[in-house]
């Protein structure tokens, strides 16, 4: 407050003529015209080069503000205004405002970073903050997604920048994996040939890059295969390709007599009551441990020596 009072007391020197005021007005007007012209030119140039309306808008406005502020300070200086204390007051107020609006400023700067780096554009299908959807808009505070179920989702730009960004449609094709389990008594080569034949029946699966059929491991109830195949990168195409491929596999397996195994549980009811495991009644349990040959020999010698000793009573 003391700085603002000092600025107000020393804002304008005494003895200014009308010519000085006109000069300051001309400077401010010229600065405004130059700022608007530079802003429009910058917005058009960045919009053409970057193809991003938000980035062009932010850059053009910042440039316009800077040009206008330079002209305003020059006009105030021509009127004798002490710009130093005024800048100090503005800087202090800006710092307080930035601390109060920290989250908003963070999202704003993150929005500029997203528009500069462009990890995704409007129309891309992305996974942001563990949410999958189509990018609808990128404004100064949030990224707007249209969820796969039609919902509208707004994610703060700060969260988007700090989390992992997965762009599902940056490339025109994408690879998926389908697991298939067969019974343990299945001919694995025949199963491989059947899976390859099923893939060829699905037009949604791309021929290039070529799909792969590999044995992935021995499961609890199945021998597992993995099908690695490429399809168009959008989510509906992914789901339709998976649907068609599963139908084709089921039909080919049925035609060739190959079973898709499933977990099986054998229920054991225990032993029958009329056939006991043990025939005798329970008694003392003590297991004999066989002695080593050396120990047996020494024991036998000890027993024979004892037998040869004379009886003391007779």
C-alpha atoms as a PDB file:
ATOM      1  CA  UNK A   1       0.000   0.000   0.000  1.00  0.00           C
ATOM      2  CA  UNK A   2       2.868   2.380   0.751  1.00  0.00           C
ATOM      3  CA  UNK A   3       4.290   1.784  -2.716  1.00  0.00           C
ATOM      4  CA  UNK A   4       0.921   2.490  -4.355  1.00  0.00           C
ATOM      5  CA  UNK A   5       0.537   5.699  -2.311  1.00  0.00           C
ATOM      6  CA  UNK A   6       3.995   6.832  -3.366  1.00  0.00           C
ATOM      7  CA  UNK A   7       3.165   6.100  -7.004  1.00  0.00           C
ATOM      8  CA  UNK A   8      -0.074   8.099  -6.701  1.00  0.00           C
ATOM      9  CA  UNK A   9       1.732  11.055  -5.119  1.00  0.00           C
ATOM     10  CA  UNK A  10       4.451  11.132  -7.762  1.00  0.00           C
ATOM     11  CA  UNK A  11       2.357   9.965 -10.709  1.00  0.00           C
ATOM     12  CA  UNK A  12       2.603  13.118 -12.814  1.00  0.00           C
ATOM     13  CA  UNK A  13       4.933  16.092 -12.475  1.00  0.00           C
ATOM     14  CA  UNK A  14       3.436  19.570 -12.309  1.00  0.00           C
ATOM     15  CA  UNK A  15       3.567  21.994 -15.214  1.00  0.00           C
ATOM     16  CA  UNK A  16       2.501  19.638 -18.047  1.00  0.00           C
ATOM     17  CA  UNK A  17       1.194  21.381 -21.132  1.00  0.00           C
ATOM     18  CA  UNK A  18      -1.548  20.284 -23.466  1.00  0.00           C
ATOM     19  CA  UNK A  19       1.103  19.381 -26.017  1.00  0.00           C
ATOM     20  CA  UNK A  20       2.568  16.841 -23.593  1.00  0.00           C
ATOM     21  CA  UNK A  21      -0.823  15.229 -23.089  1.00  0.00           C
ATOM     22  CA  UNK A  22      -1.434  15.098 -26.823  1.00  0.00           C
ATOM     23  CA  UNK A  23       1.981  13.512 -27.359  1.00  0.00           C
ATOM     24  CA  UNK A  24       1.238  10.872 -24.730  1.00  0.00           C
ATOM     25  CA  UNK A  25      -2.174  10.199 -26.275  1.00  0.00           C
ATOM     26  CA  UNK A  26      -0.624   9.769 -29.726  1.00  0.00           C
ATOM     27  CA  UNK A  27       1.938   7.328 -28.300  1.00  0.00           C
ATOM     28  CA  UNK A  28      -0.765   5.267 -26.608  1.00  0.00           C
ATOM     29  CA  UNK A  29      -2.930   5.231 -29.743  1.00  0.00           C
ATOM     30  CA  UNK A  30       0.010   4.228 -31.931  1.00  0.00           C
ATOM     31  CA  UNK A  31       0.948   1.501 -29.467  1.00  0.00           C
ATOM     32  CA  UNK A  32      -2.618   0.185 -29.527  1.00  0.00           C
ATOM     33  CA  UNK A  33      -2.705   0.131 -33.340  1.00  0.00           C
ATOM     34  CA  UNK A  34       0.686  -1.586 -33.567  1.00  0.00           C
ATOM     35  CA  UNK A  35      -0.318  -4.124 -30.898  1.00  0.00           C
ATOM     36  CA  UNK A  36      -3.549  -5.032 -32.720  1.00  0.00           C
ATOM     37  CA  UNK A  37      -1.738  -5.327 -36.063  1.00  0.00           C
ATOM     38  CA  UNK A  38       1.045  -7.470 -34.604  1.00  0.00           C
ATOM     39  CA  UNK A  39      -1.512  -9.652 -32.808  1.00  0.00           C
ATOM     40  CA  UNK A  40      -3.504 -10.332 -35.973  1.00  0.00           C
ATOM     41  CA  UNK A  41      -0.401 -11.023 -38.024  1.00  0.00           C
ATOM     42  CA  UNK A  42       0.993 -13.376 -35.370  1.00  0.00           C
ATOM     43  CA  UNK A  43      -2.297 -15.231 -35.033  1.00  0.00           C
ATOM     44  CA  UNK A  44      -2.555 -15.755 -38.790  1.00  0.00           C
ATOM     45  CA  UNK A  45       1.089 -16.851 -39.121  1.00  0.00           C
ATOM     46  CA  UNK A  46       1.026 -19.286 -36.193  1.00  0.00           C
ATOM     47  CA  UNK A  47      -2.385 -20.636 -37.207  1.00  0.00           C
ATOM     48  CA  UNK A  48      -1.017 -21.391 -40.672  1.00  0.00           C
ATOM     49  CA  UNK A  49       2.255 -22.862 -39.421  1.00  0.00           C
ATOM     50  CA  UNK A  50       1.164 -24.759 -36.302  1.00  0.00           C
ATOM     51  CA  UNK A  51      -2.492 -25.351 -37.294  1.00  0.00           C
ATOM     52  CA  UNK A  52      -3.683 -24.694 -33.737  1.00  0.00           C
ATOM     53  CA  UNK A  53      -6.223 -22.005 -32.924  1.00  0.00           C
ATOM     54  CA  UNK A  54      -5.485 -21.959 -29.203  1.00  0.00           C
ATOM     55  CA  UNK A  55      -1.715 -21.593 -29.601  1.00  0.00           C
ATOM     56  CA  UNK A  56      -2.175 -18.835 -32.183  1.00  0.00           C
ATOM     57  CA  UNK A  57      -4.621 -17.009 -29.918  1.00  0.00           C
ATOM     58  CA  UNK A  58      -2.355 -17.182 -26.860  1.00  0.00           C
ATOM     59  CA  UNK A  59       0.788 -16.113 -28.723  1.00  0.00           C
ATOM     60  CA  UNK A  60      -0.947 -13.257 -30.529  1.00  0.00           C
ATOM     61  CA  UNK A  61      -2.508 -11.917 -27.341  1.00  0.00           C
ATOM     62  CA  UNK A  62       0.745 -12.076 -25.417  1.00  0.00           C
ATOM     63  CA  UNK A  63       2.552 -10.222 -28.174  1.00  0.00           C
ATOM     64  CA  UNK A  64      -0.205  -7.601 -28.352  1.00  0.00           C
ATOM     65  CA  UNK A  65      -0.091  -7.062 -24.583  1.00  0.00           C
ATOM     66  CA  UNK A  66       3.688  -6.686 -24.602  1.00  0.00           C
ATOM     67  CA  UNK A  67       3.636  -4.134 -27.455  1.00  0.00           C
ATOM     68  CA  UNK A  68       0.860  -2.124 -25.840  1.00  0.00           C
ATOM     69  CA  UNK A  69       2.544  -2.115 -22.415  1.00  0.00           C
ATOM     70  CA  UNK A  70       5.814  -0.900 -23.925  1.00  0.00           C
ATOM     71  CA  UNK A  71       3.985   1.982 -25.627  1.00  0.00           C
ATOM     72  CA  UNK A  72       2.022   2.758 -22.435  1.00  0.00           C
ATOM     73  CA  UNK A  73       5.145   2.934 -20.311  1.00  0.00           C
ATOM     74  CA  UNK A  74       6.815   5.156 -22.918  1.00  0.00           C
ATOM     75  CA  UNK A  75       3.809   7.477 -22.859  1.00  0.00           C
ATOM     76  CA  UNK A  76       3.827   7.615 -19.056  1.00  0.00           C
ATOM     77  CA  UNK A  77       7.535   8.338 -19.083  1.00  0.00           C
ATOM     78  CA  UNK A  78       6.934  11.251 -21.449  1.00  0.00           C
ATOM     79  CA  UNK A  79       4.480  12.639 -18.899  1.00  0.00           C
ATOM     80  CA  UNK A  80       7.042  12.402 -16.131  1.00  0.00           C
ATOM     81  CA  UNK A  81       5.568   9.369 -14.416  1.00  0.00           C
ATOM     82  CA  UNK A  82       8.069   7.506 -12.262  1.00  0.00           C
ATOM     83  CA  UNK A  83       7.742   4.121 -13.882  1.00  0.00           C
ATOM     84  CA  UNK A  84      10.125   2.318 -11.496  1.00  0.00           C
ATOM     85  CA  UNK A  85       7.841   2.329  -8.422  1.00  0.00           C
ATOM     86  CA  UNK A  86       4.870   1.555 -10.656  1.00  0.00           C
ATOM     87  CA  UNK A  87       6.629  -1.495 -12.085  1.00  0.00           C
ATOM     88  CA  UNK A  88       7.540  -2.622  -8.576  1.00  0.00           C
ATOM     89  CA  UNK A  89       3.923  -2.357  -7.440  1.00  0.00           C
ATOM     90  CA  UNK A  90       2.702  -4.219 -10.521  1.00  0.00           C
ATOM     91  CA  UNK A  91       5.327  -6.916 -10.006  1.00  0.00           C
ATOM     92  CA  UNK A  92       4.355  -7.409  -6.374  1.00  0.00           C
ATOM     93  CA  UNK A  93       0.669  -7.534  -7.248  1.00  0.00           C
ATOM     94  CA  UNK A  94       1.357  -9.979 -10.057  1.00  0.00           C
ATOM     95  CA  UNK A  95       3.263 -12.245  -7.673  1.00  0.00           C
ATOM     96  CA  UNK A  96       0.406 -12.280  -5.174  1.00  0.00           C
ATOM     97  CA  UNK A  97      -2.087 -12.941  -7.945  1.00  0.00           C
ATOM     98  CA  UNK A  98       0.032 -15.759  -9.360  1.00  0.00           C
ATOM     99  CA  UNK A  99       0.215 -17.467  -5.967  1.00  0.00           C
ATOM    100  CA  UNK A 100      -3.540 -17.160  -5.515  1.00  0.00           C
ATOM    101  CA  UNK A 101      -4.239 -18.535  -8.984  1.00  0.00           C
ATOM    102  CA  UNK A 102      -1.498 -21.161  -9.022  1.00  0.00           C
ATOM    103  CA  UNK A 103      -3.637 -24.007 -10.397  1.00  0.00           C
ATOM    104  CA  UNK A 104      -5.167 -21.819 -13.083  1.00  0.00           C
ATOM    105  CA  UNK A 105      -1.751 -20.516 -14.131  1.00  0.00           C
ATOM    106  CA  UNK A 106      -0.390 -24.073 -14.155  1.00  0.00           C
ATOM    107  CA  UNK A 107      -3.207 -25.228 -16.427  1.00  0.00           C
ATOM    108  CA  UNK A 108      -2.740 -22.197 -18.689  1.00  0.00           C
ATOM    109  CA  UNK A 109       0.996 -22.816 -19.110  1.00  0.00           C
ATOM    110  CA  UNK A 110       0.346 -26.535 -19.577  1.00  0.00           C
ATOM    111  CA  UNK A 111      -2.130 -25.671 -22.336  1.00  0.00           C
ATOM    112  CA  UNK A 112       0.560 -23.633 -24.103  1.00  0.00           C
ATOM    113  CA  UNK A 113       2.977 -26.559 -23.739  1.00  0.00           C
ATOM    114  CA  UNK A 114       0.422 -28.999 -25.180  1.00  0.00           C
ATOM    115  CA  UNK A 115      -0.163 -26.730 -28.149  1.00  0.00           C
ATOM    116  CA  UNK A 116       3.573 -26.342 -28.694  1.00  0.00           C
ATOM    117  CA  UNK A 117       4.571 -29.986 -28.361  1.00  0.00           C
ATOM    118  CA  UNK A 118       1.316 -31.291 -29.876  1.00  0.00           C
ATOM    119  CA  UNK A 119       1.246 -34.874 -28.491  1.00  0.00           C
ATOM    120  CA  UNK A 120      -2.304 -35.037 -29.862  1.00  0.00           C
ATOM    121  CA  UNK A 121      -4.691 -32.944 -31.937  1.00  0.00           C
ATOM    122  CA  UNK A 122      -8.436 -32.518 -32.111  1.00  0.00           C
ATOM    123  CA  UNK A 123     -10.003 -35.741 -33.397  1.00  0.00           C
ATOM    124  CA  UNK A 124      -7.344 -38.090 -31.978  1.00  0.00           C
ATOM    125  CA  UNK A 125      -8.369 -40.949 -29.710  1.00  0.00           C
ATOM    126  CA  UNK A 126      -6.211 -40.769 -26.591  1.00  0.00           C
ATOM    127  CA  UNK A 127      -5.900 -42.160 -23.080  1.00  0.00           C
ATOM    128  CA  UNK A 128      -5.330 -39.324 -20.602  1.00  0.00           C
ATOM    129  CA  UNK A 129      -5.275 -39.769 -16.841  1.00  0.00           C
ATOM    130  CA  UNK A 130      -6.538 -43.374 -17.388  1.00  0.00           C
ATOM    131  CA  UNK A 131      -9.536 -42.060 -19.391  1.00  0.00           C
ATOM    132  CA  UNK A 132      -9.986 -42.963 -23.064  1.00  0.00           C
ATOM    133  CA  UNK A 133     -11.863 -40.671 -25.428  1.00  0.00           C
ATOM    134  CA  UNK A 134     -11.747 -38.521 -28.550  1.00  0.00           C
ATOM    135  CA  UNK A 135     -10.206 -35.062 -28.236  1.00  0.00           C
ATOM    136  CA  UNK A 136     -12.906 -32.445 -28.863  1.00  0.00           C
ATOM    137  CA  UNK A 137     -11.195 -29.228 -27.761  1.00  0.00           C
ATOM    138  CA  UNK A 138      -8.105 -27.863 -26.010  1.00  0.00           C
ATOM    139  CA  UNK A 139      -8.754 -24.590 -24.212  1.00  0.00           C
ATOM    140  CA  UNK A 140      -6.720 -22.505 -21.801  1.00  0.00           C
ATOM    141  CA  UNK A 141      -7.588 -24.672 -18.797  1.00  0.00           C
ATOM    142  CA  UNK A 142      -8.755 -28.157 -19.851  1.00  0.00           C
ATOM    143  CA  UNK A 143      -8.635 -30.825 -22.516  1.00  0.00           C
ATOM    144  CA  UNK A 144     -12.166 -31.790 -23.530  1.00  0.00           C
ATOM    145  CA  UNK A 145     -12.757 -35.450 -24.413  1.00  0.00           C
ATOM    146  CA  UNK A 146     -15.809 -37.219 -25.738  1.00  0.00           C
ATOM    147  CA  UNK A 147     -15.833 -40.575 -23.989  1.00  0.00           C
ATOM    148  CA  UNK A 148     -16.465 -43.819 -25.821  1.00  0.00           C
ATOM    149  CA  UNK A 149     -19.886 -43.883 -24.162  1.00  0.00           C
ATOM    150  CA  UNK A 150     -20.732 -40.359 -25.379  1.00  0.00           C
ATOM    151  CA  UNK A 151     -19.960 -38.507 -22.148  1.00  0.00           C
ATOM    152  CA  UNK A 152     -18.114 -35.174 -22.158  1.00  0.00           C
ATOM    153  CA  UNK A 153     -14.997 -35.213 -19.979  1.00  0.00           C
ATOM    154  CA  UNK A 154     -12.819 -32.238 -19.018  1.00  0.00           C
ATOM    155  CA  UNK A 155      -9.299 -32.971 -17.766  1.00  0.00           C
ATOM    156  CA  UNK A 156      -7.120 -30.116 -16.417  1.00  0.00           C
ATOM    157  CA  UNK A 157      -4.135 -29.373 -18.614  1.00  0.00           C
ATOM    158  CA  UNK A 158      -1.821 -29.717 -15.627  1.00  0.00           C
ATOM    159  CA  UNK A 159      -2.955 -33.308 -15.070  1.00  0.00           C
ATOM    160  CA  UNK A 160      -2.525 -34.117 -18.750  1.00  0.00           C
ATOM    161  CA  UNK A 161       1.053 -32.834 -18.852  1.00  0.00           C
ATOM    162  CA  UNK A 162       2.070 -34.632 -15.643  1.00  0.00           C
ATOM    163  CA  UNK A 163       0.555 -38.020 -16.615  1.00  0.00           C
ATOM    164  CA  UNK A 164       1.277 -40.531 -19.374  1.00  0.00           C
ATOM    165  CA  UNK A 165      -0.268 -39.628 -22.732  1.00  0.00           C
ATOM    166  CA  UNK A 166      -1.271 -42.535 -24.983  1.00  0.00           C
ATOM    167  CA  UNK A 167      -2.287 -41.538 -28.507  1.00  0.00           C
ATOM    168  CA  UNK A 168      -4.151 -44.465 -30.048  1.00  0.00           C
ATOM    169  CA  UNK A 169      -4.700 -42.940 -33.481  1.00  0.00           C
ATOM    170  CA  UNK A 170      -1.467 -41.060 -34.170  1.00  0.00           C
ATOM    171  CA  UNK A 171      -0.582 -43.881 -36.574  1.00  0.00           C
ATOM    172  CA  UNK A 172      -3.101 -45.269 -39.039  1.00  0.00           C
ATOM    173  CA  UNK A 173      -2.703 -48.872 -37.808  1.00  0.00           C
ATOM    174  CA  UNK A 174      -2.217 -50.446 -34.408  1.00  0.00           C
ATOM    175  CA  UNK A 175      -1.419 -53.951 -33.133  1.00  0.00           C
ATOM    176  CA  UNK A 176      -3.574 -55.995 -30.770  1.00  0.00           C
ATOM    177  CA  UNK A 177      -3.170 -59.384 -29.096  1.00  0.00           C
ATOM    178  CA  UNK A 178      -5.707 -62.190 -28.741  1.00  0.00           C
ATOM    179  CA  UNK A 179      -5.106 -65.167 -26.441  1.00  0.00           C
ATOM    180  CA  UNK A 180      -6.481 -68.614 -27.385  1.00  0.00           C
ATOM    181  CA  UNK A 181      -6.141 -71.785 -25.291  1.00  0.00           C
ATOM    182  CA  UNK A 182      -6.352 -75.335 -26.619  1.00  0.00           C
ATOM    183  CA  UNK A 183      -6.460 -78.681 -24.845  1.00  0.00           C
ATOM    184  CA  UNK A 184      -3.225 -80.415 -23.913  1.00  0.00           C
ATOM    185  CA  UNK A 185      -3.860 -83.325 -26.289  1.00  0.00           C
ATOM    186  CA  UNK A 186      -4.115 -80.978 -29.303  1.00  0.00           C
ATOM    187  CA  UNK A 187      -1.709 -81.199 -32.227  1.00  0.00           C
ATOM    188  CA  UNK A 188       0.035 -77.819 -31.848  1.00  0.00           C
ATOM    189  CA  UNK A 189       1.056 -77.597 -35.493  1.00  0.00           C
ATOM    190  CA  UNK A 190      -2.531 -78.266 -36.570  1.00  0.00           C
ATOM    191  CA  UNK A 191      -3.732 -75.605 -34.149  1.00  0.00           C
ATOM    192  CA  UNK A 192      -1.174 -73.123 -35.515  1.00  0.00           C
ATOM    193  CA  UNK A 193      -2.317 -73.804 -39.081  1.00  0.00           C
ATOM    194  CA  UNK A 194      -5.957 -73.398 -38.056  1.00  0.00           C
ATOM    195  CA  UNK A 195      -5.311 -70.048 -36.373  1.00  0.00           C
ATOM    196  CA  UNK A 196      -3.401 -68.802 -39.414  1.00  0.00           C
ATOM    197  CA  UNK A 197      -6.279 -69.861 -41.656  1.00  0.00           C
ATOM    198  CA  UNK A 198      -8.766 -68.056 -39.414  1.00  0.00           C
ATOM    199  CA  UNK A 199      -6.767 -64.823 -39.604  1.00  0.00           C
ATOM    200  CA  UNK A 200      -6.875 -64.938 -43.396  1.00  0.00           C
ATOM    201  CA  UNK A 201     -10.691 -64.997 -43.274  1.00  0.00           C
ATOM    202  CA  UNK A 202     -10.903 -61.579 -41.535  1.00  0.00           C
ATOM    203  CA  UNK A 203     -10.575 -58.576 -43.892  1.00  0.00           C
ATOM    204  CA  UNK A 204     -10.277 -56.164 -40.958  1.00  0.00           C
ATOM    205  CA  UNK A 205      -6.906 -57.726 -40.047  1.00  0.00           C
ATOM    206  CA  UNK A 206      -4.159 -56.092 -42.087  1.00  0.00           C
ATOM    207  CA  UNK A 207      -1.933 -58.256 -44.232  1.00  0.00           C
ATOM    208  CA  UNK A 208       0.986 -55.864 -43.656  1.00  0.00           C
ATOM    209  CA  UNK A 209       2.562 -55.962 -41.162  1.00  0.00           C
ATOM    210  CA  UNK A 210       1.993 -59.705 -41.232  1.00  0.00           C
ATOM    211  CA  UNK A 211       0.117 -61.248 -38.271  1.00  0.00           C
ATOM    212  CA  UNK A 212       1.872 -63.745 -36.026  1.00  0.00           C
ATOM    213  CA  UNK A 213       0.735 -66.923 -34.267  1.00  0.00           C
ATOM    214  CA  UNK A 214       2.985 -68.036 -31.395  1.00  0.00           C
ATOM    215  CA  UNK A 215       2.727 -70.478 -28.495  1.00  0.00           C
ATOM    216  CA  UNK A 216       2.923 -68.323 -25.358  1.00  0.00           C
ATOM    217  CA  UNK A 217       3.022 -70.927 -22.583  1.00  0.00           C
ATOM    218  CA  UNK A 218       1.558 -73.872 -20.718  1.00  0.00           C
ATOM    219  CA  UNK A 219      -1.411 -72.813 -18.616  1.00  0.00           C
ATOM    220  CA  UNK A 220      -3.213 -74.571 -15.804  1.00  0.00           C
ATOM    221  CA  UNK A 221      -5.768 -76.151 -18.167  1.00  0.00           C
ATOM    222  CA  UNK A 222      -4.618 -75.104 -21.644  1.00  0.00           C
ATOM    223  CA  UNK A 223      -1.708 -74.641 -23.975  1.00  0.00           C
ATOM    224  CA  UNK A 224      -1.916 -70.946 -24.773  1.00  0.00           C
ATOM    225  CA  UNK A 225      -1.470 -69.242 -28.145  1.00  0.00           C
ATOM    226  CA  UNK A 226      -1.069 -65.525 -28.823  1.00  0.00           C
ATOM    227  CA  UNK A 227      -2.299 -63.936 -32.031  1.00  0.00           C
ATOM    228  CA  UNK A 228      -0.583 -60.642 -32.830  1.00  0.00           C
ATOM    229  CA  UNK A 229      -2.382 -58.789 -35.583  1.00  0.00           C
ATOM    230  CA  UNK A 230      -2.649 -55.244 -36.966  1.00  0.00           C
ATOM    231  CA  UNK A 231      -5.829 -53.277 -37.621  1.00  0.00           C
ATOM    232  CA  UNK A 232      -7.054 -49.714 -38.164  1.00  0.00           C
ATOM    233  CA  UNK A 233      -6.127 -47.704 -35.083  1.00  0.00           C
ATOM    234  CA  UNK A 234      -9.512 -46.309 -33.990  1.00  0.00           C
ATOM    235  CA  UNK A 235     -11.313 -48.084 -31.161  1.00  0.00           C
ATOM    236  CA  UNK A 236     -14.414 -49.224 -33.127  1.00  0.00           C
ATOM    237  CA  UNK A 237     -12.178 -50.866 -35.742  1.00  0.00           C
ATOM    238  CA  UNK A 238     -10.205 -52.556 -32.972  1.00  0.00           C
ATOM    239  CA  UNK A 239     -13.319 -54.067 -31.407  1.00  0.00           C
ATOM    240  CA  UNK A 240     -14.810 -55.150 -34.735  1.00  0.00           C
ATOM    241  CA  UNK A 241     -11.557 -56.807 -35.823  1.00  0.00           C
ATOM    242  CA  UNK A 242     -11.415 -58.711 -32.532  1.00  0.00           C
ATOM    243  CA  UNK A 243     -15.057 -59.762 -32.912  1.00  0.00           C
ATOM    244  CA  UNK A 244     -14.568 -61.031 -36.483  1.00  0.00           C
ATOM    245  CA  UNK A 245     -11.374 -62.850 -35.564  1.00  0.00           C
ATOM    246  CA  UNK A 246     -12.990 -64.686 -32.659  1.00  0.00           C
ATOM    247  CA  UNK A 247     -15.869 -65.783 -34.910  1.00  0.00           C
ATOM    248  CA  UNK A 248     -13.430 -67.030 -37.549  1.00  0.00           C
ATOM    249  CA  UNK A 249     -11.339 -68.965 -34.991  1.00  0.00           C
ATOM    250  CA  UNK A 250     -14.390 -70.652 -33.502  1.00  0.00           C
ATOM    251  CA  UNK A 251     -15.656 -71.720 -36.938  1.00  0.00           C
ATOM    252  CA  UNK A 252     -12.277 -73.028 -38.154  1.00  0.00           C
ATOM    253  CA  UNK A 253     -11.670 -74.936 -34.917  1.00  0.00           C
ATOM    254  CA  UNK A 254     -15.127 -76.491 -35.120  1.00  0.00           C
ATOM    255  CA  UNK A 255     -14.493 -77.492 -38.741  1.00  0.00           C
ATOM    256  CA  UNK A 256     -11.118 -79.085 -37.926  1.00  0.00           C
ATOM    257  CA  UNK A 257     -12.137 -80.732 -34.666  1.00  0.00           C
ATOM    258  CA  UNK A 258      -9.945 -78.598 -32.385  1.00  0.00           C
ATOM    259  CA  UNK A 259     -11.313 -77.802 -28.940  1.00  0.00           C
ATOM    260  CA  UNK A 260     -10.918 -74.471 -27.193  1.00  0.00           C
ATOM    261  CA  UNK A 261     -10.082 -75.665 -23.697  1.00  0.00           C
ATOM    262  CA  UNK A 262     -11.610 -74.260 -20.541  1.00  0.00           C
ATOM    263  CA  UNK A 263     -10.754 -74.751 -16.857  1.00  0.00           C
ATOM    264  CA  UNK A 264     -12.075 -78.040 -15.447  1.00  0.00           C
ATOM    265  CA  UNK A 265     -12.529 -79.021 -11.802  1.00  0.00           C
ATOM    266  CA  UNK A 266     -12.629 -82.641 -10.592  1.00  0.00           C
ATOM    267  CA  UNK A 267     -14.671 -83.063  -7.410  1.00  0.00           C
ATOM    268  CA  UNK A 268     -13.312 -85.910  -5.231  1.00  0.00           C
ATOM    269  CA  UNK A 269     -15.724 -87.208  -2.600  1.00  0.00           C
ATOM    270  CA  UNK A 270     -13.081 -89.018  -0.556  1.00  0.00           C
ATOM    271  CA  UNK A 271     -12.621 -92.744   0.196  1.00  0.00           C
ATOM    272  CA  UNK A 272     -15.610 -95.072   0.564  1.00  0.00           C
ATOM    273  CA  UNK A 273     -16.704 -95.954   4.081  1.00  0.00           C
ATOM    274  CA  UNK A 274     -16.685 -99.748   3.427  1.00  0.00           C
ATOM    275  CA  UNK A 275     -13.054 -99.832   2.298  1.00  0.00           C
ATOM    276  CA  UNK A 276     -10.822 -98.400   5.038  1.00  0.00           C
ATOM    277  CA  UNK A 277      -7.287 -97.431   4.184  1.00  0.00           C
ATOM    278  CA  UNK A 278      -5.768 -99.155   7.245  1.00  0.00           C
ATOM    279  CA  UNK A 279      -6.862-102.664   8.287  1.00  0.00           C
ATOM    280  CA  UNK A 280      -5.451-102.681  11.849  1.00  0.00           C
ATOM    281  CA  UNK A 281      -6.334-100.549  14.835  1.00  0.00           C
ATOM    282  CA  UNK A 282      -4.156 -97.515  15.635  1.00  0.00           C
ATOM    283  CA  UNK A 283      -1.211 -98.218  17.914  1.00  0.00           C
ATOM    284  CA  UNK A 284       2.179 -96.848  18.817  1.00  0.00           C
ATOM    285  CA  UNK A 285       4.028 -95.392  15.842  1.00  0.00           C
ATOM    286  CA  UNK A 286       7.818 -95.628  15.876  1.00  0.00           C
ATOM    287  CA  UNK A 287       9.964 -95.809  12.761  1.00  0.00           C
ATOM    288  CA  UNK A 288      13.233 -97.800  12.828  1.00  0.00           C
ATOM    289  CA  UNK A 289      16.215 -96.000  11.368  1.00  0.00           C
ATOM    290  CA  UNK A 290      18.692 -98.334   9.650  1.00  0.00           C
ATOM    291  CA  UNK A 291      22.202 -98.025  11.086  1.00  0.00           C
ATOM    292  CA  UNK A 292      25.276 -97.611   8.954  1.00  0.00           C
ATOM    293  CA  UNK A 293      27.459-100.679   8.267  1.00  0.00           C
ATOM    294  CA  UNK A 294      30.163 -99.464  10.661  1.00  0.00           C
ATOM    295  CA  UNK A 295      27.686 -98.934  13.477  1.00  0.00           C
ATOM    296  CA  UNK A 296      26.156-102.393  12.869  1.00  0.00           C
ATOM    297  CA  UNK A 297      29.557-104.041  13.043  1.00  0.00           C
ATOM    298  CA  UNK A 298      30.479-102.309  16.264  1.00  0.00           C
ATOM    299  CA  UNK A 299      27.096-103.250  17.747  1.00  0.00           C
ATOM    300  CA  UNK A 300      27.563-106.865  16.818  1.00  0.00           C
ATOM    301  CA  UNK A 301      31.090-106.889  18.351  1.00  0.00           C
ATOM    302  CA  UNK A 302      29.739-105.305  21.510  1.00  0.00           C
ATOM    303  CA  UNK A 303      27.015-107.973  21.764  1.00  0.00           C
ATOM    304  CA  UNK A 304      29.483-110.818  21.163  1.00  0.00           C
ATOM    305  CA  UNK A 305      31.863-109.427  23.787  1.00  0.00           C
ATOM    306  CA  UNK A 306      29.092-109.223  26.303  1.00  0.00           C
ATOM    307  CA  UNK A 307      28.119-112.821  25.637  1.00  0.00           C
ATOM    308  CA  UNK A 308      31.714-114.040  26.317  1.00  0.00           C
ATOM    309  CA  UNK A 309      31.993-112.319  29.710  1.00  0.00           C
ATOM    310  CA  UNK A 310      31.825-114.816  32.663  1.00  0.00           C
ATOM    311  CA  UNK A 311      28.934-114.547  34.972  1.00  0.00           C
ATOM    312  CA  UNK A 312      30.040-113.237  38.362  1.00  0.00           C
ATOM    313  CA  UNK A 313      27.718-115.617  40.253  1.00  0.00           C
ATOM    314  CA  UNK A 314      28.586-118.832  38.707  1.00  0.00           C
END
